[in-house]
Amino acid sequence: MKSTGVRLQKIIARSGRASRREAEKLIVSGKVTVNDITVTELGTRAIPGVDIIKVNGEEIRTEELTYMVLYKPRFCVTTMKDPQNRRCIGDLLKKWPVRLYPVGRLDY
């Protein structure tokens, strides 16, 4: 097991392929390969952009993280989609070219 890099379940979750818990199930069930070697041990690490990671035979794309600061307007919730149909930052950033992970105050 590599001591450098990022845990596989985190890489898979960041790619949007599965949640971290679902990624753990995929790893344990032998559906994940790193550089064409099947991985079944949780905690295995890989280097995004260097190692070739596949889930069910399909290569996952890793993305570089970009951080953005947004001054959230009043009456806008910090989420990409709101089940209560309140205005959210997802409405403000619909056309943003990369996947967003909003963090911050959740108050309305």
PDB file of N, CA and C in Angstrom:
ATOM      1  N   MET A   1       0.840  -1.183   0.000  1.00  0.00           N
ATOM      2  CA  MET A   1       0.000   0.000   0.000  1.00  0.00           C
ATOM      3  C   MET A   1       0.885   1.245   0.000  1.00  0.00           C
ATOM      4  N   LYS A   2       0.570   2.195  -0.862  1.00  0.00           N
ATOM      5  CA  LYS A   2       1.331   3.438  -0.927  1.00  0.00           C
ATOM      6  C   LYS A   2       1.044   4.283   0.309  1.00  0.00           C
ATOM      7  N   SER A   3       2.053   4.965   0.795  1.00  0.00           N
ATOM      8  CA  SER A   3       1.842   5.854   1.939  1.00  0.00           C
ATOM      9  C   SER A   3       1.612   7.291   1.481  1.00  0.00           C
ATOM     10  N   THR A   4       1.814   7.548   0.187  1.00  0.00           N
ATOM     11  CA  THR A   4       1.551   8.878  -0.353  1.00  0.00           C
ATOM     12  C   THR A   4       0.289   8.819  -1.194  1.00  0.00           C
ATOM     13  N   GLY A   5      -0.168   9.947  -1.624  1.00  0.00           N
ATOM     14  CA  GLY A   5      -1.357   9.972  -2.452  1.00  0.00           C
ATOM     15  C   GLY A   5      -2.617  10.173  -1.627  1.00  0.00           C
ATOM     16  N   VAL A   6      -3.746   9.877  -2.252  1.00  0.00           N
ATOM     17  CA  VAL A   6      -5.062  10.091  -1.653  1.00  0.00           C
ATOM     18  C   VAL A   6      -5.785   8.751  -1.602  1.00  0.00           C
ATOM     19  N   ARG A   7      -6.573   8.537  -0.545  1.00  0.00           N
ATOM     20  CA  ARG A   7      -7.316   7.281  -0.441  1.00  0.00           C
ATOM     21  C   ARG A   7      -8.258   7.130  -1.630  1.00  0.00           C
ATOM     22  N   LEU A   8      -8.329   5.915  -2.153  1.00  0.00           N
ATOM     23  CA  LEU A   8      -9.138   5.647  -3.343  1.00  0.00           C
ATOM     24  C   LEU A   8     -10.591   6.058  -3.186  1.00  0.00           C
ATOM     25  N   GLN A   9     -11.185   5.748  -2.027  1.00  0.00           N
ATOM     26  CA  GLN A   9     -12.599   6.076  -1.858  1.00  0.00           C
ATOM     27  C   GLN A   9     -12.839   7.579  -1.945  1.00  0.00           C
ATOM     28  N   LYS A  10     -11.861   8.358  -1.536  1.00  0.00           N
ATOM     29  CA  LYS A  10     -11.980   9.812  -1.631  1.00  0.00           C
ATOM     30  C   LYS A  10     -11.872  10.260  -3.090  1.00  0.00           C
ATOM     31  N   ILE A  11     -10.955   9.658  -3.834  1.00  0.00           N
ATOM     32  CA  ILE A  11     -10.795   9.993  -5.255  1.00  0.00           C
ATOM     33  C   ILE A  11     -12.069   9.653  -6.022  1.00  0.00           C
ATOM     34  N   ILE A  12     -12.622   8.474  -5.755  1.00  0.00           N
ATOM     35  CA  ILE A  12     -13.839   8.043  -6.451  1.00  0.00           C
ATOM     36  C   ILE A  12     -15.000   8.965  -6.104  1.00  0.00           C
ATOM     37  N   ALA A  13     -15.128   9.319  -4.831  1.00  0.00           N
ATOM     38  CA  ALA A  13     -16.213  10.211  -4.412  1.00  0.00           C
ATOM     39  C   ALA A  13     -16.071  11.587  -5.058  1.00  0.00           C
ATOM     40  N   ARG A  14     -14.858  12.110  -5.107  1.00  0.00           N
ATOM     41  CA  ARG A  14     -14.633  13.424  -5.731  1.00  0.00           C
ATOM     42  C   ARG A  14     -14.977  13.423  -7.218  1.00  0.00           C
ATOM     43  N   SER A  15     -14.821  12.269  -7.851  1.00  0.00           N
ATOM     44  CA  SER A  15     -15.105  12.191  -9.287  1.00  0.00           C
ATOM     45  C   SER A  15     -16.603  12.220  -9.567  1.00  0.00           C
ATOM     46  N   GLY A  16     -17.409  12.024  -8.518  1.00  0.00           N
ATOM     47  CA  GLY A  16     -18.854  12.003  -8.703  1.00  0.00           C
ATOM     48  C   GLY A  16     -19.390  10.635  -9.053  1.00  0.00           C
ATOM     49  N   ARG A  17     -18.529   9.647  -9.134  1.00  0.00           N
ATOM     50  CA  ARG A  17     -18.927   8.291  -9.511  1.00  0.00           C
ATOM     51  C   ARG A  17     -19.785   7.638  -8.432  1.00  0.00           C
ATOM     52  N   ALA A  18     -19.467   7.904  -7.157  1.00  0.00           N
ATOM     53  CA  ALA A  18     -20.189   7.290  -6.038  1.00  0.00           C
ATOM     54  C   ALA A  18     -19.909   8.101  -4.782  1.00  0.00           C
ATOM     55  N   SER A  19     -20.745   7.893  -3.763  1.00  0.00           N
ATOM     56  CA  SER A  19     -20.452   8.508  -2.466  1.00  0.00           C
ATOM     57  C   SER A  19     -19.248   7.787  -1.873  1.00  0.00           C
ATOM     58  N   ARG A  20     -18.701   8.315  -0.804  1.00  0.00           N
ATOM     59  CA  ARG A  20     -17.535   7.677  -0.202  1.00  0.00           C
ATOM     60  C   ARG A  20     -17.886   6.274   0.299  1.00  0.00           C
ATOM     61  N   ARG A  21     -19.050   6.120   0.904  1.00  0.00           N
ATOM     62  CA  ARG A  21     -19.484   4.797   1.396  1.00  0.00           C
ATOM     63  C   ARG A  21     -19.703   3.830   0.233  1.00  0.00           C
ATOM     64  N   GLU A  22     -20.327   4.312  -0.840  1.00  0.00           N
ATOM     65  CA  GLU A  22     -20.525   3.464  -2.025  1.00  0.00           C
ATOM     66  C   GLU A  22     -19.183   3.091  -2.641  1.00  0.00           C
ATOM     67  N   ALA A  23     -18.239   4.021  -2.630  1.00  0.00           N
ATOM     68  CA  ALA A  23     -16.898   3.753  -3.166  1.00  0.00           C
ATOM     69  C   ALA A  23     -16.223   2.650  -2.365  1.00  0.00           C
ATOM     70  N   GLU A  24     -16.409   2.659  -1.047  1.00  0.00           N
ATOM     71  CA  GLU A  24     -15.838   1.601  -0.208  1.00  0.00           C
ATOM     72  C   GLU A  24     -16.394   0.237  -0.603  1.00  0.00           C
ATOM     73  N   LYS A  25     -17.693   0.184  -0.879  1.00  0.00           N
ATOM     74  CA  LYS A  25     -18.313  -1.088  -1.300  1.00  0.00           C
ATOM     75  C   LYS A  25     -17.753  -1.542  -2.648  1.00  0.00           C
ATOM     76  N   LEU A  26     -17.552  -0.603  -3.563  1.00  0.00           N
ATOM     77  CA  LEU A  26     -16.983  -0.940  -4.871  1.00  0.00           C
ATOM     78  C   LEU A  26     -15.573  -1.501  -4.724  1.00  0.00           C
ATOM     79  N   ILE A  27     -14.790  -0.901  -3.838  1.00  0.00           N
ATOM     80  CA  ILE A  27     -13.411  -1.355  -3.626  1.00  0.00           C
ATOM     81  C   ILE A  27     -13.404  -2.761  -3.049  1.00  0.00           C
ATOM     82  N   VAL A  28     -14.159  -2.973  -1.976  1.00  0.00           N
ATOM     83  CA  VAL A  28     -14.186  -4.278  -1.304  1.00  0.00           C
ATOM     84  C   VAL A  28     -14.693  -5.373  -2.242  1.00  0.00           C
ATOM     85  N   SER A  29     -15.615  -5.029  -3.140  1.00  0.00           N
ATOM     86  CA  SER A  29     -16.169  -6.031  -4.058  1.00  0.00           C
ATOM     87  C   SER A  29     -15.281  -6.278  -5.279  1.00  0.00           C
ATOM     88  N   GLY A  30     -14.110  -5.622  -5.348  1.00  0.00           N
ATOM     89  CA  GLY A  30     -13.164  -5.881  -6.424  1.00  0.00           C
ATOM     90  C   GLY A  30     -13.489  -5.211  -7.743  1.00  0.00           C
ATOM     91  N   LYS A  31     -14.257  -4.134  -7.706  1.00  0.00           N
ATOM     92  CA  LYS A  31     -14.657  -3.452  -8.939  1.00  0.00           C
ATOM     93  C   LYS A  31     -13.784  -2.247  -9.268  1.00  0.00           C
ATOM     94  N   VAL A  32     -12.700  -2.067  -8.495  1.00  0.00           N
ATOM     95  CA  VAL A  32     -11.804  -0.924  -8.702  1.00  0.00           C
ATOM     96  C   VAL A  32     -10.409  -1.435  -9.026  1.00  0.00           C
ATOM     97  N   THR A  33      -9.796  -0.829 -10.049  1.00  0.00           N
ATOM     98  CA  THR A  33      -8.408  -1.158 -10.371  1.00  0.00           C
ATOM     99  C   THR A  33      -7.572   0.120 -10.362  1.00  0.00           C
ATOM    100  N   VAL A  34      -6.314  -0.046  -9.994  1.00  0.00           N
ATOM    101  CA  VAL A  34      -5.337   1.039 -10.072  1.00  0.00           C
ATOM    102  C   VAL A  34      -4.191   0.509 -10.916  1.00  0.00           C
ATOM    103  N   ASN A  35      -3.958   1.162 -12.043  1.00  0.00           N
ATOM    104  CA  ASN A  35      -2.923   0.727 -12.989  1.00  0.00           C
ATOM    105  C   ASN A  35      -3.118  -0.745 -13.362  1.00  0.00           C
ATOM    106  N   ASP A  36      -4.377  -1.111 -13.620  1.00  0.00           N
ATOM    107  CA  ASP A  36      -4.795  -2.460 -14.039  1.00  0.00           C
ATOM    108  C   ASP A  36      -4.585  -3.537 -12.978  1.00  0.00           C
ATOM    109  N   ILE A  37      -4.420  -3.153 -11.724  1.00  0.00           N
ATOM    110  CA  ILE A  37      -4.323  -4.111 -10.620  1.00  0.00           C
ATOM    111  C   ILE A  37      -5.569  -3.945  -9.761  1.00  0.00           C
ATOM    112  N   THR A  38      -6.318  -5.035  -9.560  1.00  0.00           N
ATOM    113  CA  THR A  38      -7.537  -4.983  -8.763  1.00  0.00           C
ATOM    114  C   THR A  38      -7.202  -4.686  -7.306  1.00  0.00           C
ATOM    115  N   VAL A  39      -7.956  -3.755  -6.740  1.00  0.00           N
ATOM    116  CA  VAL A  39      -7.750  -3.339  -5.351  1.00  0.00           C
ATOM    117  C   VAL A  39      -8.979  -3.733  -4.540  1.00  0.00           C
ATOM    118  N   THR A  40      -8.769  -4.377  -3.385  1.00  0.00           N
ATOM    119  CA  THR A  40      -9.883  -4.737  -2.507  1.00  0.00           C
ATOM    120  C   THR A  40      -9.658  -4.267  -1.076  1.00  0.00           C
ATOM    121  N   GLU A  41      -8.552  -3.599  -0.834  1.00  0.00           N
ATOM    122  CA  GLU A  41      -8.210  -3.160   0.523  1.00  0.00           C
ATOM    123  C   GLU A  41      -8.558  -1.688   0.711  1.00  0.00           C
ATOM    124  N   LEU A  42      -9.415  -1.415   1.708  1.00  0.00           N
ATOM    125  CA  LEU A  42      -9.753  -0.028   2.013  1.00  0.00           C
ATOM    126  C   LEU A  42      -8.516   0.683   2.543  1.00  0.00           C
ATOM    127  N   GLY A  43      -8.388   1.944   2.217  1.00  0.00           N
ATOM    128  CA  GLY A  43      -7.226   2.709   2.655  1.00  0.00           C
ATOM    129  C   GLY A  43      -6.116   2.728   1.626  1.00  0.00           C
ATOM    130  N   THR A  44      -6.290   1.971   0.535  1.00  0.00           N
ATOM    131  CA  THR A  44      -5.300   1.999  -0.541  1.00  0.00           C
ATOM    132  C   THR A  44      -5.248   3.413  -1.106  1.00  0.00           C
ATOM    133  N   ARG A  45      -4.053   3.866  -1.398  1.00  0.00           N
ATOM    134  CA  ARG A  45      -3.869   5.232  -1.895  1.00  0.00           C
ATOM    135  C   ARG A  45      -3.414   5.230  -3.348  1.00  0.00           C
ATOM    136  N   ALA A  46      -3.748   6.305  -4.026  1.00  0.00           N
ATOM    137  CA  ALA A  46      -3.328   6.493  -5.411  1.00  0.00           C
ATOM    138  C   ALA A  46      -3.021   7.974  -5.602  1.00  0.00           C
ATOM    139  N   ILE A  47      -2.336   8.266  -6.675  1.00  0.00           N
ATOM    140  CA  ILE A  47      -1.996   9.655  -6.981  1.00  0.00           C
ATOM    141  C   ILE A  47      -2.859  10.096  -8.162  1.00  0.00           C
ATOM    142  N   PRO A  48      -3.850  10.976  -7.904  1.00  0.00           N
ATOM    143  CA  PRO A  48      -4.722  11.443  -8.982  1.00  0.00           C
ATOM    144  C   PRO A  48      -3.915  12.103 -10.092  1.00  0.00           C
ATOM    145  N   GLY A  49      -4.272  11.805 -11.322  1.00  0.00           N
ATOM    146  CA  GLY A  49      -3.568  12.379 -12.459  1.00  0.00           C
ATOM    147  C   GLY A  49      -2.320  11.619 -12.853  1.00  0.00           C
ATOM    148  N   VAL A  50      -1.867  10.707 -11.995  1.00  0.00           N
ATOM    149  CA  VAL A  50      -0.694   9.883 -12.296  1.00  0.00           C
ATOM    150  C   VAL A  50      -1.135   8.430 -12.446  1.00  0.00           C
ATOM    151  N   ASP A  51      -1.794   7.897 -11.419  1.00  0.00           N
ATOM    152  CA  ASP A  51      -2.293   6.522 -11.476  1.00  0.00           C
ATOM    153  C   ASP A  51      -3.574   6.463 -12.297  1.00  0.00           C
ATOM    154  N   ILE A  52      -3.768   5.360 -13.004  1.00  0.00           N
ATOM    155  CA  ILE A  52      -4.980   5.156 -13.794  1.00  0.00           C
ATOM    156  C   ILE A  52      -5.956   4.363 -12.934  1.00  0.00           C
ATOM    157  N   ILE A  53      -7.060   5.002 -12.574  1.00  0.00           N
ATOM    158  CA  ILE A  53      -8.050   4.405 -11.685  1.00  0.00           C
ATOM    159  C   ILE A  53      -9.296   4.095 -12.502  1.00  0.00           C
ATOM    160  N   LYS A  54      -9.756   2.847 -12.398  1.00  0.00           N
ATOM    161  CA  LYS A  54     -10.957   2.431 -13.124  1.00  0.00           C
ATOM    162  C   LYS A  54     -11.974   1.854 -12.150  1.00  0.00           C
ATOM    163  N   VAL A  55     -13.249   2.160 -12.412  1.00  0.00           N
ATOM    164  CA  VAL A  55     -14.366   1.593 -11.666  1.00  0.00           C
ATOM    165  C   VAL A  55     -15.221   0.854 -12.677  1.00  0.00           C
ATOM    166  N   ASN A  56     -15.427  -0.440 -12.432  1.00  0.00           N
ATOM    167  CA  ASN A  56     -16.165  -1.288 -13.377  1.00  0.00           C
ATOM    168  C   ASN A  56     -15.577  -1.202 -14.787  1.00  0.00           C
ATOM    169  N   GLY A  57     -14.267  -1.105 -14.873  1.00  0.00           N
ATOM    170  CA  GLY A  57     -13.584  -1.083 -16.159  1.00  0.00           C
ATOM    171  C   GLY A  57     -13.548   0.265 -16.848  1.00  0.00           C
ATOM    172  N   GLU A  58     -14.180   1.270 -16.265  1.00  0.00           N
ATOM    173  CA  GLU A  58     -14.239   2.593 -16.885  1.00  0.00           C
ATOM    174  C   GLU A  58     -13.352   3.572 -16.109  1.00  0.00           C
ATOM    175  N   GLU A  59     -12.443   4.211 -16.817  1.00  0.00           N
ATOM    176  CA  GLU A  59     -11.514   5.138 -16.168  1.00  0.00           C
ATOM    177  C   GLU A  59     -12.256   6.344 -15.609  1.00  0.00           C
ATOM    178  N   ILE A  60     -11.918   6.696 -14.381  1.00  0.00           N
ATOM    179  CA  ILE A  60     -12.540   7.884 -13.798  1.00  0.00           C
ATOM    180  C   ILE A  60     -11.633   9.074 -14.040  1.00  0.00           C
ATOM    181  N   ARG A  61     -12.260  10.207 -14.194  1.00  0.00           N
ATOM    182  CA  ARG A  61     -11.508  11.436 -14.414  1.00  0.00           C
ATOM    183  C   ARG A  61     -11.330  12.128 -13.075  1.00  0.00           C
ATOM    184  N   THR A  62     -10.125  12.548 -12.837  1.00  0.00           N
ATOM    185  CA  THR A  62      -9.872  13.316 -11.620  1.00  0.00           C
ATOM    186  C   THR A  62      -9.809  14.776 -12.013  1.00  0.00           C
ATOM    187  N   GLU A  63     -10.283  15.605 -11.128  1.00  0.00           N
ATOM    188  CA  GLU A  63     -10.300  17.025 -11.453  1.00  0.00           C
ATOM    189  C   GLU A  63      -9.482  17.806 -10.442  1.00  0.00           C
ATOM    190  N   GLU A  64      -8.897  18.859 -10.917  1.00  0.00           N
ATOM    191  CA  GLU A  64      -8.140  19.738 -10.041  1.00  0.00           C
ATOM    192  C   GLU A  64      -9.136  20.598  -9.271  1.00  0.00           C
ATOM    193  N   LEU A  65      -8.883  20.799  -7.996  1.00  0.00           N
ATOM    194  CA  LEU A  65      -9.799  21.583  -7.177  1.00  0.00           C
ATOM    195  C   LEU A  65      -9.547  23.072  -7.352  1.00  0.00           C
ATOM    196  N   THR A  66     -10.628  23.811  -7.441  1.00  0.00           N
ATOM    197  CA  THR A  66     -10.579  25.260  -7.516  1.00  0.00           C
ATOM    198  C   THR A  66     -11.422  25.795  -6.371  1.00  0.00           C
ATOM    199  N   TYR A  67     -10.925  26.775  -5.672  1.00  0.00           N
ATOM    200  CA  TYR A  67     -11.663  27.365  -4.565  1.00  0.00           C
ATOM    201  C   TYR A  67     -12.172  28.735  -4.975  1.00  0.00           C
ATOM    202  N   MET A  68     -13.409  29.021  -4.607  1.00  0.00           N
ATOM    203  CA  MET A  68     -14.025  30.285  -4.955  1.00  0.00           C
ATOM    204  C   MET A  68     -14.671  30.852  -3.695  1.00  0.00           C
ATOM    205  N   VAL A  69     -14.580  32.136  -3.522  1.00  0.00           N
ATOM    206  CA  VAL A  69     -15.255  32.808  -2.421  1.00  0.00           C
ATOM    207  C   VAL A  69     -16.433  33.558  -3.020  1.00  0.00           C
ATOM    208  N   LEU A  70     -17.590  33.360  -2.432  1.00  0.00           N
ATOM    209  CA  LEU A  70     -18.802  34.014  -2.928  1.00  0.00           C
ATOM    210  C   LEU A  70     -19.476  34.725  -1.766  1.00  0.00           C
ATOM    211  N   TYR A  71     -19.776  35.977  -1.945  1.00  0.00           N
ATOM    212  CA  TYR A  71     -20.550  36.699  -0.947  1.00  0.00           C
ATOM    213  C   TYR A  71     -22.005  36.360  -1.219  1.00  0.00           C
ATOM    214  N   LYS A  72     -22.534  35.478  -0.392  1.00  0.00           N
ATOM    215  CA  LYS A  72     -23.880  34.951  -0.606  1.00  0.00           C
ATOM    216  C   LYS A  72     -24.924  36.030  -0.327  1.00  0.00           C
ATOM    217  N   PRO A  73     -25.832  36.251  -1.270  1.00  0.00           N
ATOM    218  CA  PRO A  73     -26.897  37.233  -1.041  1.00  0.00           C
ATOM    219  C   PRO A  73     -27.855  36.766   0.063  1.00  0.00           C
ATOM    220  N   ARG A  74     -28.578  37.700   0.651  1.00  0.00           N
ATOM    221  CA  ARG A  74     -29.604  37.336   1.634  1.00  0.00           C
ATOM    222  C   ARG A  74     -30.663  36.471   0.961  1.00  0.00           C
ATOM    223  N   PHE A  75     -31.286  35.649   1.755  1.00  0.00           N
ATOM    224  CA  PHE A  75     -32.364  34.764   1.295  1.00  0.00           C
ATOM    225  C   PHE A  75     -31.896  33.813   0.197  1.00  0.00           C
ATOM    226  N   CYS A  76     -30.686  33.324   0.376  1.00  0.00           N
ATOM    227  CA  CYS A  76     -30.092  32.368  -0.557  1.00  0.00           C
ATOM    228  C   CYS A  76     -29.402  31.299   0.289  1.00  0.00           C
ATOM    229  N   VAL A  77     -29.715  30.023   0.065  1.00  0.00           N
ATOM    230  CA  VAL A  77     -29.120  28.958   0.874  1.00  0.00           C
ATOM    231  C   VAL A  77     -27.868  28.407   0.204  1.00  0.00           C
ATOM    232  N   THR A  78     -26.951  27.904   1.034  1.00  0.00           N
ATOM    233  CA  THR A  78     -25.672  27.385   0.549  1.00  0.00           C
ATOM    234  C   THR A  78     -25.833  25.926   0.143  1.00  0.00           C
ATOM    235  N   THR A  79     -26.385  25.714  -1.016  1.00  0.00           N
ATOM    236  CA  THR A  79     -26.550  24.382  -1.584  1.00  0.00           C
ATOM    237  C   THR A  79     -26.705  24.541  -3.091  1.00  0.00           C
ATOM    238  N   MET A  80     -26.511  23.464  -3.814  1.00  0.00           N
ATOM    239  CA  MET A  80     -26.661  23.542  -5.267  1.00  0.00           C
ATOM    240  C   MET A  80     -28.116  23.367  -5.690  1.00  0.00           C
ATOM    241  N   LYS A  81     -28.896  22.679  -4.860  1.00  0.00           N
ATOM    242  CA  LYS A  81     -30.293  22.413  -5.189  1.00  0.00           C
ATOM    243  C   LYS A  81     -31.069  22.347  -3.880  1.00  0.00           C
ATOM    244  N   ASP A  82     -32.182  23.048  -3.801  1.00  0.00           N
ATOM    245  CA  ASP A  82     -32.952  23.076  -2.561  1.00  0.00           C
ATOM    246  C   ASP A  82     -34.289  22.373  -2.746  1.00  0.00           C
ATOM    247  N   PRO A  83     -34.572  21.335  -1.932  1.00  0.00           N
ATOM    248  CA  PRO A  83     -35.843  20.616  -2.063  1.00  0.00           C
ATOM    249  C   PRO A  83     -37.054  21.484  -1.722  1.00  0.00           C
ATOM    250  N   GLN A  84     -36.830  22.592  -1.007  1.00  0.00           N
ATOM    251  CA  GLN A  84     -37.932  23.497  -0.662  1.00  0.00           C
ATOM    252  C   GLN A  84     -38.077  24.625  -1.685  1.00  0.00           C
ATOM    253  N   ASN A  85     -37.337  24.524  -2.766  1.00  0.00           N
ATOM    254  CA  ASN A  85     -37.373  25.501  -3.863  1.00  0.00           C
ATOM    255  C   ASN A  85     -37.031  26.928  -3.437  1.00  0.00           C
ATOM    256  N   ARG A  86     -36.167  27.059  -2.420  1.00  0.00           N
ATOM    257  CA  ARG A  86     -35.674  28.384  -2.065  1.00  0.00           C
ATOM    258  C   ARG A  86     -34.532  28.740  -3.014  1.00  0.00           C
ATOM    259  N   ARG A  87     -34.252  29.998  -3.125  1.00  0.00           N
ATOM    260  CA  ARG A  87     -33.130  30.441  -3.948  1.00  0.00           C
ATOM    261  C   ARG A  87     -31.847  29.880  -3.340  1.00  0.00           C
ATOM    262  N   CYS A  88     -30.966  29.363  -4.178  1.00  0.00           N
ATOM    263  CA  CYS A  88     -29.724  28.772  -3.675  1.00  0.00           C
ATOM    264  C   CYS A  88     -28.561  29.183  -4.578  1.00  0.00           C
ATOM    265  N   ILE A  89     -27.336  28.918  -4.106  1.00  0.00           N
ATOM    266  CA  ILE A  89     -26.191  29.340  -4.911  1.00  0.00           C
ATOM    267  C   ILE A  89     -26.105  28.555  -6.216  1.00  0.00           C
ATOM    268  N   GLY A  90     -26.746  27.381  -6.272  1.00  0.00           N
ATOM    269  CA  GLY A  90     -26.812  26.642  -7.532  1.00  0.00           C
ATOM    270  C   GLY A  90     -27.516  27.449  -8.610  1.00  0.00           C
ATOM    271  N   ASP A  91     -28.501  28.256  -8.200  1.00  0.00           N
ATOM    272  CA  ASP A  91     -29.203  29.120  -9.157  1.00  0.00           C
ATOM    273  C   ASP A  91     -28.283  30.221  -9.682  1.00  0.00           C
ATOM    274  N   LEU A  92     -27.400  30.696  -8.820  1.00  0.00           N
ATOM    275  CA  LEU A  92     -26.493  31.778  -9.212  1.00  0.00           C
ATOM    276  C   LEU A  92     -25.359  31.286 -10.112  1.00  0.00           C
ATOM    277  N   LEU A  93     -24.978  30.020  -9.926  1.00  0.00           N
ATOM    278  CA  LEU A  93     -23.788  29.497 -10.607  1.00  0.00           C
ATOM    279  C   LEU A  93     -24.111  28.338 -11.549  1.00  0.00           C
ATOM    280  N   LYS A  94     -25.274  28.358 -12.158  1.00  0.00           N
ATOM    281  CA  LYS A  94     -25.712  27.272 -13.046  1.00  0.00           C
ATOM    282  C   LYS A  94     -24.701  26.948 -14.140  1.00  0.00           C
ATOM    283  N   LYS A  95     -24.129  27.945 -14.702  1.00  0.00           N
ATOM    284  CA  LYS A  95     -23.262  27.739 -15.867  1.00  0.00           C
ATOM    285  C   LYS A  95     -21.781  27.656 -15.507  1.00  0.00           C
ATOM    286  N   TRP A  96     -21.478  27.485 -14.236  1.00  0.00           N
ATOM    287  CA  TRP A  96     -20.079  27.360 -13.822  1.00  0.00           C
ATOM    288  C   TRP A  96     -19.509  26.110 -14.469  1.00  0.00           C
ATOM    289  N   PRO A  97     -18.324  26.158 -15.075  1.00  0.00           N
ATOM    290  CA  PRO A  97     -17.827  25.053 -15.899  1.00  0.00           C
ATOM    291  C   PRO A  97     -17.341  23.808 -15.147  1.00  0.00           C
ATOM    292  N   VAL A  98     -17.167  23.889 -13.828  1.00  0.00           N
ATOM    293  CA  VAL A  98     -16.690  22.722 -13.084  1.00  0.00           C
ATOM    294  C   VAL A  98     -17.674  22.390 -11.966  1.00  0.00           C
ATOM    295  N   ARG A  99     -17.567  21.181 -11.448  1.00  0.00           N
ATOM    296  CA  ARG A  99     -18.435  20.732 -10.364  1.00  0.00           C
ATOM    297  C   ARG A  99     -18.140  21.538  -9.098  1.00  0.00           C
ATOM    298  N   LEU A 100     -19.193  21.942  -8.402  1.00  0.00           N
ATOM    299  CA  LEU A 100     -19.031  22.760  -7.208  1.00  0.00           C
ATOM    300  C   LEU A 100     -19.429  21.994  -5.953  1.00  0.00           C
ATOM    301  N   TYR A 101     -18.721  22.263  -4.870  1.00  0.00           N
ATOM    302  CA  TYR A 101     -19.009  21.682  -3.563  1.00  0.00           C
ATOM    303  C   TYR A 101     -19.191  22.839  -2.588  1.00  0.00           C
ATOM    304  N   PRO A 102     -20.402  23.326  -2.426  1.00  0.00           N
ATOM    305  CA  PRO A 102     -20.585  24.492  -1.568  1.00  0.00           C
ATOM    306  C   PRO A 102     -20.370  24.173  -0.090  1.00  0.00           C
ATOM    307  N   VAL A 103     -19.712  25.075   0.588  1.00  0.00           N
ATOM    308  CA  VAL A 103     -19.522  24.994   2.037  1.00  0.00           C
ATOM    309  C   VAL A 103     -19.782  26.380   2.604  1.00  0.00           C
ATOM    310  N   GLY A 104     -20.183  26.431   3.837  1.00  0.00           N
ATOM    311  CA  GLY A 104     -20.389  27.729   4.460  1.00  0.00           C
ATOM    312  C   GLY A 104     -21.661  27.767   5.260  1.00  0.00           C
ATOM    313  N   ARG A 105     -22.080  28.943   5.585  1.00  0.00           N
ATOM    314  CA  ARG A 105     -23.279  29.123   6.403  1.00  0.00           C
ATOM    315  C   ARG A 105     -24.500  28.638   5.654  1.00  0.00           C
ATOM    316  N   LEU A 106     -25.344  27.942   6.365  1.00  0.00           N
ATOM    317  CA  LEU A 106     -26.530  27.360   5.748  1.00  0.00           C
ATOM    318  C   LEU A 106     -27.786  28.175   6.012  1.00  0.00           C
ATOM    319  N   ASP A 107     -27.662  29.264   6.779  1.00  0.00           N
ATOM    320  CA  ASP A 107     -28.865  30.018   7.123  1.00  0.00           C
ATOM    321  C   ASP A 107     -29.458  30.697   5.902  1.00  0.00           C
ATOM    322  N   TYR A 108     -30.716  30.986   5.987  1.00  0.00           N
ATOM    323  CA  TYR A 108     -31.464  31.588   4.897  1.00  0.00           C
ATOM    324  C   TYR A 108     -31.482  33.064   5.145  1.00  0.00           C
TER     325      TYR A 108
END
